[in-house]
Amino acid sequence: MIRKKQKKPRYKDMDPAAKKFLTNYGKRIRQKRKKCKKTITQMAAAINSDISRLSRIENGKINLTINDIYLLDKQMDECLQKNI
């Protein structure tokens, strides 16, 4: 039996509540990054990502993985701890 490959959910097909969550999360990431005085290039390197992916995350235009959330939160916590 041949299985059809499942399509990844597209942003435009996402539930409105999920879109709102991603947008709000992205805004918080951008605010924290700027508070830490890091450029998008520096933050992307710190989480081992590319600039365009981080930009899409900050703009709420990409679905996040648990790993994305973990790495971003870890970087933000480390940065904010240094600024205390």
Protein backbone atom coordinates (compact mmCIF):
# COMPACT_ATOMS: atom_id res chain seq x y z
CA MET A 1 0.00 0.00 0.00
CA ILE A 2 1.38 3.39 -0.99
CA ARG A 3 0.95 6.16 1.53
CA LYS A 4 0.45 9.74 0.51
CA LYS A 5 2.94 12.13 1.96
CA GLN A 6 1.24 14.51 4.38
CA LYS A 7 1.56 18.18 3.59
CA LYS A 8 2.98 20.53 6.18
CA PRO A 9 0.40 22.99 7.46
CA ARG A 10 0.78 26.32 5.71
CA TYR A 11 0.72 29.61 7.55
CA LYS A 12 -2.32 30.80 5.60
CA ASP A 13 -4.24 27.66 6.62
CA MET A 14 -3.40 28.05 10.30
CA ASP A 15 -5.97 28.62 13.00
CA PRO A 16 -6.37 32.36 13.77
CA ALA A 17 -5.50 31.77 17.44
CA ALA A 18 -2.25 30.06 16.42
CA LYS A 19 -1.39 32.98 14.12
CA LYS A 20 -2.01 35.41 16.97
CA PHE A 21 0.19 33.37 19.30
CA LEU A 22 3.04 33.27 16.77
CA THR A 23 2.76 37.01 16.12
CA ASN A 24 2.79 37.86 19.83
CA TYR A 25 5.65 35.46 20.55
CA GLY A 26 7.68 36.94 17.71
CA LYS A 27 7.11 40.47 19.00
CA ARG A 28 8.31 39.45 22.46
CA ILE A 29 11.42 37.83 20.99
CA ARG A 30 12.24 40.99 19.02
CA GLN A 31 11.70 43.21 22.08
CA LYS A 32 13.93 41.03 24.25
CA ARG A 33 16.59 40.82 21.54
CA LYS A 34 16.69 44.59 21.25
CA LYS A 35 16.73 44.98 25.03
CA CYS A 36 19.79 42.72 25.04
CA LYS A 37 21.30 44.93 22.33
CA LYS A 38 21.81 42.04 19.93
CA THR A 39 21.42 42.30 16.19
CA ILE A 40 19.33 39.80 14.31
CA THR A 41 22.59 38.43 12.86
CA GLN A 42 24.06 37.87 16.32
CA MET A 43 20.91 36.20 17.63
CA ALA A 44 20.58 33.98 14.56
CA ALA A 45 24.16 32.81 15.04
CA ALA A 46 23.55 32.19 18.75
CA ILE A 47 20.62 29.87 18.03
CA ASN A 48 22.33 28.29 15.02
CA SER A 49 19.75 29.59 12.56
CA ASP A 50 19.81 31.81 9.53
CA ILE A 51 18.77 35.45 9.55
CA SER A 52 15.74 34.97 7.32
CA ARG A 53 14.32 32.24 9.57
CA LEU A 54 14.74 34.38 12.68
CA SER A 55 13.14 37.31 10.87
CA ARG A 56 10.13 35.15 9.97
CA ILE A 57 9.92 34.00 13.60
CA GLU A 58 9.97 37.60 14.85
CA ASN A 59 7.27 38.52 12.34
CA GLY A 60 5.10 35.55 13.31
CA LYS A 61 5.23 34.10 9.81
CA ILE A 62 6.64 30.67 10.56
CA ASN A 63 5.53 27.75 12.65
CA LEU A 64 7.94 27.10 15.52
CA THR A 65 9.34 23.84 16.75
CA ILE A 66 9.85 23.07 20.41
CA ASN A 67 13.59 23.30 19.74
CA ASP A 68 13.17 26.83 18.30
CA ILE A 69 11.30 27.96 21.40
CA TYR A 70 13.84 26.32 23.71
CA LEU A 71 16.87 27.88 21.99
CA LEU A 72 15.30 31.34 21.78
CA ASP A 73 14.19 31.33 25.40
CA LYS A 74 17.57 30.03 26.55
CA GLN A 75 19.38 32.84 24.72
CA MET A 76 17.00 35.46 26.05
CA ASP A 77 17.36 34.22 29.63
CA GLU A 78 21.16 34.22 29.40
CA CYS A 79 21.20 37.69 27.91
CA LEU A 80 18.76 39.18 30.38
CA GLN A 81 20.63 37.60 33.32
CA LYS A 82 23.80 39.40 32.21
CA ASN A 83 21.94 42.72 32.15
CA ILE A 84 20.61 42.44 35.71
